[in-house]
Protein backbone atom coordinates (compact mmCIF):
# COMPACT_ATOMS: atom_id res chain seq x y z
CA MET A 1 -23.09 -18.27 13.21
CA LEU A 2 -23.70 -20.47 10.17
CA GLU A 3 -23.77 -24.24 10.66
CA GLN A 4 -20.46 -24.46 8.80
CA PHE A 5 -18.69 -22.60 11.63
CA LYS A 6 -17.97 -23.69 15.19
CA PRO A 7 -15.60 -22.46 17.90
CA VAL A 8 -12.64 -24.77 18.65
CA ALA A 9 -9.48 -24.73 20.79
CA ASP A 10 -11.32 -23.29 23.79
CA GLY A 11 -12.87 -20.62 21.57
CA LYS A 12 -9.52 -19.31 20.26
CA TYR A 13 -10.22 -20.36 16.67
CA VAL A 14 -13.27 -20.86 14.48
CA GLU A 15 -13.50 -24.06 12.43
CA PHE A 16 -15.08 -23.94 8.97
CA ARG A 17 -16.37 -27.03 7.16
CA PRO A 18 -16.64 -26.36 3.41
CA SER A 19 -19.77 -27.52 1.59
CA GLY A 20 -19.86 -29.20 -1.81
CA GLU A 21 -20.81 -25.82 -3.26
CA ASP A 22 -17.75 -24.23 -1.59
CA PHE A 23 -15.49 -26.90 -3.14
CA LYS A 24 -16.99 -26.32 -6.58
CA ARG A 25 -16.55 -22.56 -6.27
CA ALA A 26 -12.92 -22.95 -5.10
CA ALA A 27 -12.19 -25.38 -7.95
CA ASP A 28 -13.69 -22.93 -10.47
CA MET A 29 -11.59 -20.10 -9.00
CA THR A 30 -8.48 -22.32 -9.15
CA GLU A 31 -9.06 -23.19 -12.79
CA GLN A 32 -9.74 -19.56 -13.69
CA MET A 33 -6.53 -18.37 -12.00
CA GLY A 34 -4.15 -20.93 -13.46
CA ILE A 35 -0.64 -21.17 -12.02
CA LEU A 36 0.99 -17.86 -11.15
CA ALA A 37 4.52 -17.28 -12.41
CA ASN A 38 5.89 -16.56 -8.91
CA SER A 39 4.16 -19.50 -7.15
CA HIS A 40 6.69 -21.42 -5.04
CA THR A 41 4.16 -24.28 -4.70
CA ARG A 42 3.52 -24.28 -8.47
CA GLY A 43 -0.19 -23.83 -7.84
CA ALA A 44 -0.59 -26.61 -5.26
CA GLY A 45 -1.92 -24.21 -2.60
CA ARG A 46 -4.65 -22.61 -4.69
CA MET A 47 -7.54 -24.75 -3.38
CA ASN A 48 -6.42 -24.09 0.20
CA GLY A 49 -6.21 -20.37 -0.48
CA PHE A 50 -9.56 -20.11 -2.21
CA LEU A 51 -11.31 -22.18 0.45
CA GLY A 52 -9.78 -19.80 3.01
CA GLU A 53 -11.12 -16.79 1.13
CA ILE A 54 -14.56 -18.40 0.90
CA ALA A 55 -14.52 -19.19 4.63
CA VAL A 56 -13.70 -15.59 5.57
CA GLU A 57 -16.18 -14.16 3.05
CA LYS A 58 -18.95 -16.30 4.58
CA TYR A 59 -17.85 -15.51 8.14
CA LEU A 60 -17.99 -11.77 7.39
CA ALA A 61 -20.95 -12.01 4.97
CA GLU A 62 -23.01 -9.11 6.36
CA LEU A 63 -19.97 -6.79 6.24
CA VAL A 64 -18.66 -7.57 2.73
CA ALA A 65 -19.39 -4.88 0.13
CA GLU A 66 -21.63 -5.93 -2.75
CA ASP A 67 -19.00 -4.68 -5.21
CA SER A 68 -16.16 -6.55 -3.45
CA VAL A 69 -13.71 -7.90 -6.03
CA ALA A 70 -10.35 -9.41 -5.15
CA THR A 71 -7.26 -7.51 -6.28
CA LYS A 72 -3.52 -8.19 -5.99
CA SER A 73 -3.58 -6.24 -2.71
CA TYR A 74 -6.61 -7.71 -0.94
CA ASP A 75 -9.24 -10.45 -1.16
CA LEU A 76 -12.30 -8.72 0.32
CA LYS A 77 -13.59 -5.18 0.55
CA CYS A 78 -15.99 -4.35 3.37
CA LYS A 79 -18.90 -1.91 3.34
CA SER A 80 -16.83 0.29 5.68
CA GLY A 81 -14.17 0.58 2.95
CA LEU A 82 -11.65 -1.51 4.90
CA THR A 83 -9.89 -4.27 2.96
CA VAL A 84 -9.00 -7.80 4.07
CA GLU A 85 -6.18 -10.02 2.81
CA VAL A 86 -6.67 -13.72 3.62
CA LYS A 87 -3.65 -15.97 4.17
CA THR A 88 -4.11 -19.75 4.33
CA LYS A 89 -1.52 -22.48 4.89
CA LYS A 90 -1.89 -26.26 4.85
CA ALA A 91 -1.65 -28.18 8.13
CA SER A 92 -2.01 -31.75 9.34
CA SER A 93 -3.66 -30.69 12.60
CA ILE A 94 -5.01 -27.68 14.45
CA PRO A 95 -2.07 -25.31 14.97
CA LYS A 96 -0.55 -24.48 18.32
CA PRO A 97 -0.56 -20.83 19.46
CA GLU A 98 3.25 -20.60 19.13
CA TYR A 99 3.12 -21.58 15.43
CA LEU A 100 3.61 -18.80 12.92
CA ALA A 101 1.21 -16.83 10.75
CA SER A 102 3.08 -15.72 7.64
CA VAL A 103 2.96 -13.33 4.71
CA GLU A 104 5.22 -14.10 1.78
CA SER A 105 7.40 -11.16 0.78
CA LYS A 106 6.49 -9.65 -2.58
CA LYS A 107 8.14 -6.97 -4.65
CA THR A 108 4.89 -5.09 -5.31
CA HIS A 109 1.50 -4.54 -3.64
CA MET A 110 2.93 -5.53 -0.27
CA PHE A 111 0.91 -4.32 2.73
CA GLU A 112 -1.68 -2.52 0.56
CA ASN A 113 -4.60 -3.76 2.64
CA ASP A 114 -6.04 -2.87 6.04
CA VAL A 115 -6.25 -6.25 7.76
CA TYR A 116 -4.76 -9.74 7.50
CA VAL A 117 -6.80 -12.81 8.45
CA PHE A 118 -4.87 -16.05 8.92
CA LEU A 119 -6.14 -19.62 8.48
CA ARG A 120 -4.88 -23.17 8.39
CA SER A 121 -6.46 -25.69 6.03
CA HIS A 122 -6.36 -29.35 6.99
CA ASN A 123 -4.46 -31.42 4.41
CA SER A 124 -7.72 -33.23 3.61
CA LEU A 125 -9.42 -29.88 2.86
CA ASN A 126 -12.43 -31.00 4.93
CA LYS A 127 -11.92 -28.26 7.53
CA LEU A 128 -10.17 -24.96 7.95
CA TRP A 129 -9.36 -23.04 11.11
CA ILE A 130 -9.73 -19.27 11.17
CA LEU A 131 -6.93 -18.38 13.57
CA GLY A 132 -7.13 -14.64 14.06
CA TRP A 133 -6.49 -11.27 12.50
CA ILE A 134 -4.19 -8.27 12.74
CA LYS A 135 -4.17 -4.74 11.36
CA THR A 136 -1.62 -4.46 8.57
CA ASP A 137 0.27 -1.58 10.24
CA SER A 138 0.57 -3.64 13.42
CA PHE A 139 1.72 -6.68 11.44
CA LYS A 140 4.46 -4.62 9.77
CA ARG A 141 5.74 -3.45 13.18
CA ARG A 142 5.42 -6.72 15.09
CA SER A 143 6.34 -9.38 12.52
CA THR A 144 9.83 -10.73 11.92
CA PHE A 145 11.38 -10.99 8.47
CA LYS A 146 13.03 -14.32 7.58
CA PRO A 147 14.88 -14.75 4.27
CA ALA A 148 14.53 -17.86 2.12
CA GLY A 149 17.00 -20.50 3.28
CA HIS A 150 17.06 -19.28 6.90
CA VAL A 151 16.95 -22.16 9.39
CA ASP A 152 15.10 -21.57 12.66
CA GLU A 153 17.36 -22.41 15.62
CA ASP A 154 14.56 -23.76 17.82
CA SER A 155 12.57 -25.89 15.36
CA ASN A 156 15.16 -26.53 12.63
CA PHE A 157 12.52 -25.32 10.14
CA LYS A 158 13.99 -24.02 6.87
CA TYR A 159 12.13 -21.10 5.27
CA SER A 160 11.50 -21.70 1.55
CA VAL A 161 10.62 -18.08 0.65
CA ASP A 162 11.28 -14.60 2.02
CA GLY A 163 8.51 -13.59 4.37
CA TYR A 164 7.19 -11.90 7.49
CA HIS A 165 6.08 -13.99 10.46
CA ILE A 166 4.23 -13.55 13.75
CA GLU A 167 3.13 -16.09 16.36
CA ILE A 168 -0.54 -17.02 16.11
CA LYS A 169 -1.04 -16.18 19.79
CA LYS A 170 -0.18 -12.54 18.99
CA LEU A 171 -3.14 -12.21 16.60
CA SER A 172 -6.43 -10.69 17.70
CA PRO A 173 -9.23 -13.25 18.20
CA ILE A 174 -11.28 -13.72 15.05
CA THR A 175 -14.43 -13.08 17.10
CA THR A 176 -13.41 -9.41 17.41
CA LEU A 177 -12.96 -8.77 13.69
CA LYS A 178 -16.59 -8.04 12.82
CA GLU A 179 -16.79 -5.20 15.31
CA TYR A 180 -13.60 -3.62 13.95
CA LEU A 181 -14.66 -3.91 10.29
CA ALA A 182 -18.12 -2.49 10.97
CA GLY A 183 -16.41 0.79 11.80
């Protein structure tokens, strides 16, 4: 495992520490993308998202296809032909297993990938936690849809956008992803 990665939370997650080169690449990607019309954060999450994509690309480096180009449906294409969509959210600390991994509901290109990988990015951007992964078909069956404005009874959390959610503890350990993607 590269020096940028280390197991944390009793081996449940993998922590990634971005390099200066990773920050520059994410900033370049952010500038190139601009602010998307449907962005509920008005572009504020772009650095988090791109650092998450970079983390997963580096973690899976030997499996990523040379011609891998991100599309609206996925972020990485593997040599096996399987596709990976990376989802990153900001956090102030390492997430608890009962916290949620989420996919924002979209009108098009929803679930047009093979696997989701979920991360949390520390608010400072100095570290990210790769939390786990799930096959897209399994995510569709096991996740719960929450509409924008819904208030969670237990946590009093109010959902800002429509989306699908699953507890982090229900994801497969990230350490098992390479074997699955290798085919």
